[in-house]
Amino acid sequence: MRMILAVIVVLVVGVNPHWQKYKAEKIAAYQAQHGGDVCEVNNVLIGVECRPFTRAERETKEQAEALQRWNDRVADAEARKRVAQQMEDLLHYGQ
């Protein structure tokens, strides 16, 4: 019986969007007051624990951001190339 109750509580708390919003608000409030990079809610009431990024986490985050910037540049270049080709097609079609 306890196992069924525990499963129900985990499902309700873990999946509920209101719970996710509550956790995000608690973490944001704690970070604003105390700082910290990685935060987790320890319990339902108020327990938030924050710590700085480890070296590996910081490097992973920086690599992901660099990759995102690169992908954005490639997408922008492809979009500019597509627009230039469309303009060229329009100019040749109009002649």
Protein backbone atom coordinates (compact mmCIF):
# COMPACT_ATOMS: atom_id res chain seq x y z
CA MET A 1 0.00 0.00 0.00
CA ARG A 2 2.83 2.38 0.82
CA MET A 3 4.45 1.67 -2.52
CA ILE A 4 1.28 2.58 -4.41
CA LEU A 5 0.95 5.81 -2.43
CA ALA A 6 4.60 6.66 -3.07
CA VAL A 7 4.19 6.06 -6.81
CA ILE A 8 1.10 8.27 -6.93
CA VAL A 9 2.87 11.07 -5.05
CA VAL A 10 5.91 10.85 -7.32
CA LEU A 11 3.77 10.95 -10.44
CA VAL A 12 1.68 13.88 -9.24
CA VAL A 13 4.65 15.93 -8.05
CA GLY A 14 7.04 15.00 -10.86
CA VAL A 15 4.73 15.53 -13.81
CA ASN A 16 2.56 18.40 -12.59
CA PRO A 17 3.37 21.67 -14.46
CA HIS A 18 2.45 23.69 -11.37
CA TRP A 19 5.14 21.83 -9.42
CA GLN A 20 7.70 22.57 -12.17
CA LYS A 21 6.77 26.26 -12.03
CA TYR A 22 7.01 26.25 -8.22
CA LYS A 23 10.47 24.66 -8.37
CA ALA A 24 11.65 27.19 -10.96
CA GLU A 25 10.40 30.10 -8.84
CA LYS A 26 12.10 28.76 -5.71
CA ILE A 27 15.37 28.23 -7.55
CA ALA A 28 15.25 31.70 -9.15
CA ALA A 29 14.55 33.34 -5.79
CA TYR A 30 17.42 31.46 -4.12
CA GLN A 31 19.83 32.28 -6.96
CA ALA A 32 18.88 35.96 -6.83
CA GLN A 33 19.60 36.08 -3.13
CA HIS A 34 22.55 33.71 -2.77
CA GLY A 35 23.92 33.03 -6.25
CA GLY A 36 24.97 29.65 -7.54
CA ASP A 37 24.91 28.01 -10.94
CA VAL A 38 23.31 24.60 -10.39
CA CYS A 39 20.32 24.52 -8.05
CA GLU A 40 17.98 21.76 -6.93
CA VAL A 41 14.92 21.72 -4.70
CA ASN A 42 15.62 19.32 -1.83
CA ASN A 43 12.12 19.18 -0.40
CA VAL A 44 8.63 20.44 -1.16
CA LEU A 45 8.59 23.19 1.43
CA ILE A 46 11.56 25.41 0.71
CA GLY A 47 14.85 23.53 0.63
CA VAL A 48 16.91 24.77 -2.29
CA GLU A 49 20.57 23.84 -2.64
CA CYS A 50 22.87 25.60 -5.10
CA ARG A 51 26.47 25.05 -6.05
CA PRO A 52 28.82 26.45 -8.68
CA PHE A 53 29.37 24.56 -11.92
CA THR A 54 32.17 22.01 -11.88
CA ARG A 55 34.93 22.43 -14.44
CA ALA A 56 33.47 19.67 -16.63
CA GLU A 57 29.97 21.18 -16.46
CA ARG A 58 31.32 24.63 -17.31
CA GLU A 59 33.29 23.27 -20.28
CA THR A 60 30.26 21.31 -21.51
CA LYS A 61 28.08 24.41 -21.22
CA GLU A 62 30.64 26.55 -23.08
CA GLN A 63 30.96 23.94 -25.84
CA ALA A 64 27.20 23.75 -26.22
CA GLU A 65 26.97 27.55 -26.43
CA ALA A 66 29.80 27.68 -28.99
CA LEU A 67 28.09 24.99 -31.06
CA GLN A 68 24.81 26.91 -30.89
CA ARG A 69 26.53 30.12 -32.04
CA TRP A 70 28.15 28.21 -34.93
CA ASN A 71 24.83 26.66 -35.95
CA ASP A 72 23.20 30.10 -35.83
CA ARG A 73 25.91 31.54 -38.09
CA VAL A 74 25.56 28.66 -40.57
CA ALA A 75 21.77 29.06 -40.63
CA ASP A 76 22.12 32.82 -41.19
CA ALA A 77 24.58 32.28 -44.03
CA GLU A 78 22.30 29.72 -45.66
CA ALA A 79 19.33 32.07 -45.34
CA ARG A 80 21.30 34.95 -46.89
CA LYS A 81 22.43 32.68 -49.73
CA ARG A 82 18.83 31.54 -50.34
CA VAL A 83 17.58 35.15 -50.40
CA ALA A 84 20.37 36.19 -52.76
CA GLN A 85 19.51 33.29 -55.09
CA GLN A 86 15.83 34.23 -55.04
CA MET A 87 16.67 37.87 -55.85
CA GLU A 88 18.91 36.75 -58.70
CA ASP A 89 16.15 34.48 -60.03
CA LEU A 90 13.66 37.36 -59.86
CA LEU A 91 16.02 39.71 -61.70
CA HIS A 92 16.70 37.17 -64.46
CA TYR A 93 13.02 36.26 -64.75
CA GLY A 94 12.05 39.90 -65.16
CA GLN A 95 14.38 40.47 -68.12
